[in-house]
Amino acid sequence: MIIDYNRLSGLQKVAILFSVLGESLALTLVTGLTKTEIRKIRASIREMESVSFSVKKRVIEEFYFSFVSEKFQSADDKDEPKRPFEFLETLTQEQLAALLAAEEPKIVAVILAQVPAERRMKVMDRMQPEDKGRVLIEMGNLKNVPLEAVVNIATDLKEKSHFLPRTVEFSRGGGKDIAEILGEMAPADEEKYFEAIHRESPELAKEIQKYHLTFENIFEYFPDNLLRDIMNSVELDTVALALKGMPEEMEKRVLDNLPQKKQAMYEPVEGSIAKREVDGARKELVKTARQMEKDGVFKLADFIEGGDMVE
C-alpha cells in the first residue's frame, strides 16, 4: 500500500524523519521528547510500510522549514525587514515583469500575492495561458508555504532586482513621442511625414493626433477663450508675423480676442517675408500652446476625436 503524504499523522511524520536521519541525529533536532514518546516513534517506524522517496522528501522539507521558521520568529534581529516585499514598491511595471519572467509559477504566485490587483493583472496579461493557469493554482495554495520559504523568496528576488535595468527614463515611443518629434520639424516636413504615417497606419495617425498640435489646429479646435490666452502670451509682433498669409477671417478672429489696447497697437506685416520667419513665429505660438497643455490649462485629446471637434 502506497503511503499518502496528506494522510500521514504527526507521529508518522516524526517516525519518517527518524528513519531517514537516524535516531541520534533526529533527537538533536526534535528535542524535549519523553522516553514514552521515543518508544512510540520506534514502534511507528516498525509498523509503517515502505515509504516512497517523494514522501520522505516532503516530510524532510516540512520539518526543515518548520525548524528555520521557528528560528526566524524567535531571533531578535533588528536588521530583519518587517516588510520583506517592500522593495517591490520601487519597481516599475516593466521591471516587475522582467523580474518574474524566468521564475517558476510558485515564486510568481508568492510575488503577485504581494502587489495590488492592477499591477498583478498587468503581469499576468503578459503570460502564456498555460503559465497563467499554473500561477492561479499556486496562488490558491500559498497558505502551505512556510514563513522561512516566503522570506527566502523575498530576499532572493530583492537581490536579483538590483541587477534590473533602470527603466524610469525608458520610453517605448508611441503617438505622444512621435507627435513631439513632428512638432520639432519644419512645418513642411511635419505635414509630409504626418501624411505618410496617415497613409501607412491610420490608427497610429489617430493616436498621434491626440498629442499633435499644429498652428492650424489652434484655430480649428480651440474656443475663443483658449485662443485669447495663447495670443496674449506672446509678443504682438510674433502674432502679426504668424498671421502673415492667413485667411482674413482668422486674422479678424485673433484681433477680436485681443485686448483693446493690443488691437490698437496691432499692425499687419506687409511686404515679402522669409518663410522661415513666418514658420518660426507660428512655431512660437504652438510652443506656447503646448506649454499651456503641460501646465494643465487644457488637454488636446479632449478637443479631438479622429480629427474632429468633440461636441
Protein backbone atom coordinates (compact mmCIF):
# COMPACT_ATOMS: atom_id res chain seq x y z
CA MET A 1 0.00 0.00 0.00
CA ILE A 2 1.38 3.39 -1.02
CA ILE A 3 1.55 5.86 1.83
CA ASP A 4 -0.17 9.17 1.01
CA TYR A 5 1.67 12.18 2.43
CA ASN A 6 -1.58 14.04 3.04
CA ARG A 7 -2.88 11.22 5.27
CA LEU A 8 0.19 10.99 7.49
CA SER A 9 -0.27 11.71 11.18
CA GLY A 10 2.18 13.86 13.10
CA LEU A 11 3.62 10.74 14.75
CA GLN A 12 4.15 9.07 11.38
CA LYS A 13 5.95 12.14 10.01
CA VAL A 14 8.29 12.16 13.01
CA ALA A 15 8.87 8.45 12.51
CA ILE A 16 9.85 9.04 8.88
CA LEU A 17 12.21 11.81 9.98
CA PHE A 18 13.86 9.44 12.48
CA SER A 19 14.15 6.68 9.88
CA VAL A 20 15.81 8.99 7.36
CA LEU A 21 18.19 10.83 9.69
CA GLY A 22 18.77 8.15 12.24
CA GLU A 23 17.62 8.39 15.86
CA SER A 24 20.72 10.15 17.23
CA LEU A 25 20.67 12.99 14.72
CA ALA A 26 16.89 13.29 14.84
CA LEU A 27 16.95 13.70 18.62
CA THR A 28 19.27 16.70 18.26
CA LEU A 29 16.60 18.36 16.15
CA VAL A 30 13.43 17.22 17.87
CA THR A 31 14.22 17.99 21.49
CA GLY A 32 12.16 17.58 24.62
CA LEU A 33 10.79 14.13 23.80
CA THR A 34 9.97 11.81 26.69
CA LYS A 35 11.04 8.16 26.75
CA THR A 36 7.44 7.14 26.14
CA GLU A 37 7.23 9.36 23.03
CA ILE A 38 10.50 7.92 21.72
CA ARG A 39 9.18 4.38 22.19
CA LYS A 40 6.02 5.32 20.23
CA ILE A 41 8.18 6.70 17.40
CA ARG A 42 10.22 3.48 17.28
CA ALA A 43 7.04 1.41 17.19
CA SER A 44 5.60 3.56 14.41
CA ILE A 45 8.77 3.05 12.34
CA ARG A 46 8.40 -0.73 12.64
CA GLU A 47 4.69 -0.63 11.76
CA MET A 48 4.99 1.62 8.71
CA GLU A 49 5.21 0.05 5.27
CA SER A 50 7.75 1.22 2.68
CA VAL A 51 7.74 4.98 2.16
CA SER A 52 8.42 6.46 -1.27
CA PHE A 53 11.28 8.85 -1.83
CA SER A 54 8.88 11.70 -2.72
CA VAL A 55 7.01 11.32 0.59
CA LYS A 56 10.27 11.26 2.55
CA LYS A 57 11.42 14.37 0.70
CA ARG A 58 8.22 16.26 1.57
CA VAL A 59 8.48 15.26 5.23
CA ILE A 60 12.10 16.41 5.44
CA GLU A 61 11.20 19.72 3.74
CA GLU A 62 8.33 20.27 6.12
CA PHE A 63 10.50 19.75 9.17
CA TYR A 64 13.29 21.85 7.73
CA PHE A 65 11.02 24.82 7.06
CA SER A 66 9.42 24.34 10.45
CA PHE A 67 12.80 24.49 12.17
CA VAL A 68 14.11 27.51 10.32
CA SER A 69 10.79 29.34 10.61
CA GLU A 70 10.85 28.88 14.38
CA LYS A 71 14.41 30.15 14.44
CA PHE A 72 13.44 33.12 12.30
CA GLN A 73 10.50 34.03 14.50
CA SER A 74 12.42 33.73 17.76
CA ALA A 75 15.53 35.56 16.60
CA ASP A 76 15.83 39.14 17.80
CA ASP A 77 17.45 40.58 14.66
CA LYS A 78 16.71 44.29 14.36
CA ASP A 79 18.07 44.36 10.81
CA GLU A 80 15.49 41.85 9.58
CA PRO A 81 12.97 43.71 7.39
CA LYS A 82 9.46 43.99 8.77
CA ARG A 83 8.14 44.11 5.22
CA PRO A 84 10.28 41.73 3.14
CA PHE A 85 8.48 42.62 -0.09
CA GLU A 86 8.69 46.38 0.35
CA PHE A 87 11.25 46.57 -2.48
CA LEU A 88 8.50 45.68 -4.98
CA GLU A 89 7.02 49.15 -4.49
CA THR A 90 10.14 50.72 -6.02
CA LEU A 91 9.95 48.66 -9.23
CA THR A 92 8.28 49.88 -12.38
CA GLN A 93 5.77 47.64 -14.12
CA GLU A 94 8.42 46.77 -16.72
CA GLN A 95 10.91 45.80 -14.03
CA LEU A 96 8.40 43.69 -12.12
CA ALA A 97 7.51 41.75 -15.27
CA ALA A 98 11.20 41.26 -16.10
CA LEU A 99 11.96 40.09 -12.56
CA LEU A 100 9.31 37.36 -12.70
CA ALA A 101 9.80 36.31 -16.33
CA ALA A 102 12.16 33.41 -15.55
CA GLU A 103 10.68 32.36 -12.20
CA GLU A 104 8.65 29.20 -11.60
CA PRO A 105 4.88 29.55 -11.04
CA LYS A 106 5.08 29.16 -7.24
CA ILE A 107 7.53 32.05 -6.95
CA VAL A 108 5.44 34.20 -9.30
CA ALA A 109 2.34 33.40 -7.24
CA VAL A 110 4.04 34.47 -3.99
CA ILE A 111 5.11 37.79 -5.53
CA LEU A 112 1.79 38.55 -7.22
CA ALA A 113 0.04 38.00 -3.90
CA GLN A 114 2.03 40.95 -2.52
CA VAL A 115 1.13 43.57 -5.15
CA PRO A 116 -2.10 45.49 -5.84
CA ALA A 117 -4.64 43.88 -8.17
CA GLU A 118 -3.95 46.33 -11.01
CA ARG A 119 -0.22 45.53 -11.09
CA ARG A 120 -0.97 41.83 -10.71
CA MET A 121 -3.19 41.78 -13.78
CA LYS A 122 -0.65 43.66 -15.91
CA VAL A 123 1.94 40.98 -15.16
CA MET A 124 -0.47 38.12 -15.82
CA ASP A 125 -1.59 39.66 -19.10
CA ARG A 126 1.94 39.05 -20.39
CA MET A 127 1.85 35.33 -19.56
CA GLN A 128 1.00 32.40 -21.79
CA PRO A 129 -2.42 30.90 -20.95
CA GLU A 130 -0.92 27.69 -19.54
CA ASP A 131 1.51 29.60 -17.32
CA LYS A 132 -1.28 31.84 -16.11
CA GLY A 133 -3.33 28.79 -15.11
CA ARG A 134 -0.44 27.28 -13.15
CA VAL A 135 0.18 30.55 -11.30
CA LEU A 136 -3.50 30.80 -10.34
CA ILE A 137 -3.41 27.27 -8.92
CA GLU A 138 -0.27 28.07 -6.93
CA MET A 139 -1.86 31.24 -5.55
CA GLY A 140 -4.65 29.09 -4.14
CA ASN A 141 -2.11 27.02 -2.17
CA LEU A 142 0.08 29.74 -0.71
CA LYS A 143 -1.13 29.04 2.81
CA ASN A 144 1.00 25.88 2.68
CA VAL A 145 4.23 27.81 2.02
CA PRO A 146 6.24 28.16 5.28
CA LEU A 147 7.29 31.55 6.53
CA GLU A 148 11.00 31.00 6.00
CA ALA A 149 10.40 29.97 2.40
CA VAL A 150 8.49 33.20 1.79
CA VAL A 151 11.25 35.28 3.38
CA ASN A 152 13.87 33.46 1.34
CA ILE A 153 11.92 34.21 -1.83
CA ALA A 154 11.75 37.89 -0.91
CA THR A 155 15.49 38.03 -0.13
CA ASP A 156 16.46 36.24 -3.33
CA LEU A 157 14.30 38.41 -5.59
CA LYS A 158 15.36 41.61 -3.85
CA GLU A 159 18.96 40.70 -4.67
CA LYS A 160 18.03 39.95 -8.29
CA SER A 161 16.17 43.25 -8.56
CA HIS A 162 19.45 45.12 -8.07
CA PHE A 163 20.55 43.89 -11.49
CA LEU A 164 17.44 45.00 -13.35
CA PRO A 165 17.94 47.84 -15.84
CA ARG A 166 16.65 51.16 -14.61
CA THR A 167 13.68 51.92 -16.87
CA VAL A 168 12.41 55.15 -15.33
CA GLU A 169 13.64 57.15 -18.31
CA PHE A 170 12.86 54.44 -20.83
CA SER A 171 10.21 55.07 -23.47
CA ARG A 172 8.63 52.71 -25.98
CA GLY A 173 7.64 55.50 -28.33
CA GLY A 174 4.02 55.68 -29.42
CA GLY A 175 1.77 58.51 -30.52
CA LYS A 176 2.93 61.02 -27.93
CA ASP A 177 6.63 60.63 -28.71
CA ILE A 178 6.02 60.78 -32.46
CA ALA A 179 3.93 63.94 -32.01
CA GLU A 180 6.80 65.57 -30.13
CA ILE A 181 9.24 64.68 -32.91
CA LEU A 182 6.91 66.04 -35.58
CA GLY A 183 6.50 69.22 -33.57
CA GLU A 184 10.22 69.90 -33.80
CA MET A 185 10.25 69.66 -37.61
CA ALA A 186 9.81 72.45 -40.11
CA PRO A 187 6.09 72.79 -40.99
CA ALA A 188 6.52 71.38 -44.49
CA ASP A 189 8.34 68.28 -43.21
CA GLU A 190 5.89 67.96 -40.30
CA GLU A 191 2.96 67.84 -42.71
CA LYS A 192 4.74 65.50 -45.14
CA TYR A 193 5.67 62.91 -42.52
CA PHE A 194 2.31 63.05 -40.79
CA GLU A 195 0.53 62.44 -44.10
CA ALA A 196 2.85 59.49 -44.79
CA ILE A 197 2.03 57.99 -41.39
CA HIS A 198 -1.67 58.53 -42.04
CA ARG A 199 -1.43 56.59 -45.31
CA GLU A 200 0.58 53.73 -43.84
CA SER A 201 -1.11 53.44 -40.44
CA PRO A 202 -4.39 55.34 -39.91
CA GLU A 203 -4.72 54.00 -36.36
CA LEU A 204 -1.28 55.31 -35.40
CA ALA A 205 -2.10 58.66 -37.02
CA LYS A 206 -5.26 58.83 -34.94
CA GLU A 207 -3.23 58.22 -31.79
CA ILE A 208 -0.69 60.89 -32.81
CA GLN A 209 -3.47 63.44 -33.29
CA LYS A 210 -4.27 63.27 -29.59
CA TYR A 211 -0.90 64.93 -28.94
CA HIS A 212 -0.02 66.57 -32.24
CA LEU A 213 -0.74 70.30 -32.25
CA THR A 214 -0.20 72.49 -35.31
CA PHE A 215 -0.69 76.18 -35.91
CA GLU A 216 -3.87 75.49 -37.88
CA ASN A 217 -5.22 73.34 -35.03
CA ILE A 218 -5.22 76.39 -32.76
CA PHE A 219 -7.94 77.94 -34.94
CA GLU A 220 -9.65 74.66 -35.80
CA TYR A 221 -10.05 73.18 -32.33
CA PHE A 222 -9.76 75.84 -29.66
CA PRO A 223 -12.60 78.06 -28.42
CA ASP A 224 -12.14 81.82 -28.17
CA ASN A 225 -11.07 81.80 -24.52
CA LEU A 226 -8.11 79.49 -25.24
CA LEU A 227 -7.24 81.37 -28.42
CA ARG A 228 -7.20 84.60 -26.43
CA ASP A 229 -4.90 83.13 -23.74
CA ILE A 230 -2.44 81.82 -26.35
CA MET A 231 -2.27 85.07 -28.32
CA ASN A 232 -1.89 87.15 -25.18
CA SER A 233 1.04 85.01 -24.03
CA VAL A 234 3.38 86.04 -26.86
CA GLU A 235 4.67 89.33 -28.24
CA LEU A 236 2.26 91.22 -30.51
CA ASP A 237 4.88 91.29 -33.29
CA THR A 238 5.05 87.47 -33.13
CA VAL A 239 1.27 87.27 -33.52
CA ALA A 240 1.35 89.59 -36.54
CA LEU A 241 4.16 87.63 -38.17
CA ALA A 242 2.41 84.30 -37.53
CA LEU A 243 -0.77 85.60 -39.18
CA LYS A 244 1.08 86.59 -42.34
CA GLY A 245 -0.66 84.89 -45.28
CA MET A 246 -3.52 83.50 -43.19
CA PRO A 247 -7.16 83.99 -44.31
CA GLU A 248 -8.71 87.32 -43.33
CA GLU A 249 -11.36 85.69 -41.13
CA MET A 250 -8.64 84.06 -38.99
CA GLU A 251 -6.83 87.35 -38.56
CA LYS A 252 -10.12 89.01 -37.58
CA ARG A 253 -10.85 86.31 -35.02
CA VAL A 254 -7.47 86.84 -33.40
CA LEU A 255 -7.92 90.61 -33.29
CA ASP A 256 -11.39 90.26 -31.78
CA ASN A 257 -9.88 88.28 -28.94
CA LEU A 258 -7.06 90.71 -28.18
CA PRO A 259 -7.43 93.39 -25.52
CA GLN A 260 -8.45 96.77 -26.96
CA LYS A 261 -5.02 98.22 -26.25
CA LYS A 262 -3.33 95.48 -28.28
CA GLN A 263 -5.92 95.80 -31.04
CA ALA A 264 -5.00 99.46 -31.38
CA MET A 265 -1.28 98.63 -31.49
CA TYR A 266 -1.61 95.74 -33.94
CA GLU A 267 -0.07 96.24 -37.36
CA PRO A 268 -0.23 93.54 -40.04
CA VAL A 269 3.06 92.54 -41.61
CA GLU A 270 3.32 93.98 -45.13
CA GLY A 271 5.60 93.04 -47.98
CA SER A 272 7.62 89.89 -48.59
CA ILE A 273 8.83 87.96 -45.56
CA ALA A 274 11.08 84.92 -45.49
CA LYS A 275 9.02 81.78 -44.96
CA ARG A 276 11.30 80.58 -42.20
CA GLU A 277 10.49 83.72 -40.18
CA VAL A 278 6.75 83.15 -40.52
CA ASP A 279 7.21 79.47 -39.66
CA GLY A 280 9.28 80.46 -36.63
CA ALA A 281 6.54 82.77 -35.34
CA ARG A 282 3.91 80.09 -35.80
CA LYS A 283 6.10 77.57 -34.00
CA GLU A 284 6.37 80.03 -31.13
CA LEU A 285 2.58 80.13 -30.80
CA VAL A 286 2.37 76.33 -30.95
CA LYS A 287 5.12 76.06 -28.33
CA THR A 288 3.15 78.39 -26.07
CA ALA A 289 0.01 76.30 -26.53
CA ARG A 290 1.90 73.10 -25.74
CA GLN A 291 3.29 74.61 -22.57
CA MET A 292 -0.22 75.59 -21.53
CA GLU A 293 -1.27 71.96 -22.01
CA LYS A 294 1.66 70.76 -19.87
CA ASP A 295 0.56 73.25 -17.21
CA GLY A 296 -2.88 71.65 -17.21
CA VAL A 297 -4.80 74.52 -18.80
CA PHE A 298 -6.34 72.13 -21.32
CA LYS A 299 -5.93 68.64 -22.77
CA LEU A 300 -5.68 68.40 -26.54
CA ALA A 301 -7.25 64.93 -26.60
CA ASP A 302 -10.43 66.44 -25.10
CA PHE A 303 -10.89 68.52 -28.28
CA ILE A 304 -10.03 65.82 -30.79
CA GLU A 305 -11.79 62.63 -31.80
CA GLY A 306 -10.40 61.39 -35.05
CA GLY A 307 -9.52 64.95 -36.03
CA ASP A 308 -12.96 66.43 -35.31
CA MET A 309 -14.24 68.66 -32.61
CA VAL A 310 -15.92 66.87 -29.73
CA GLU A 311 -19.36 68.32 -29.25
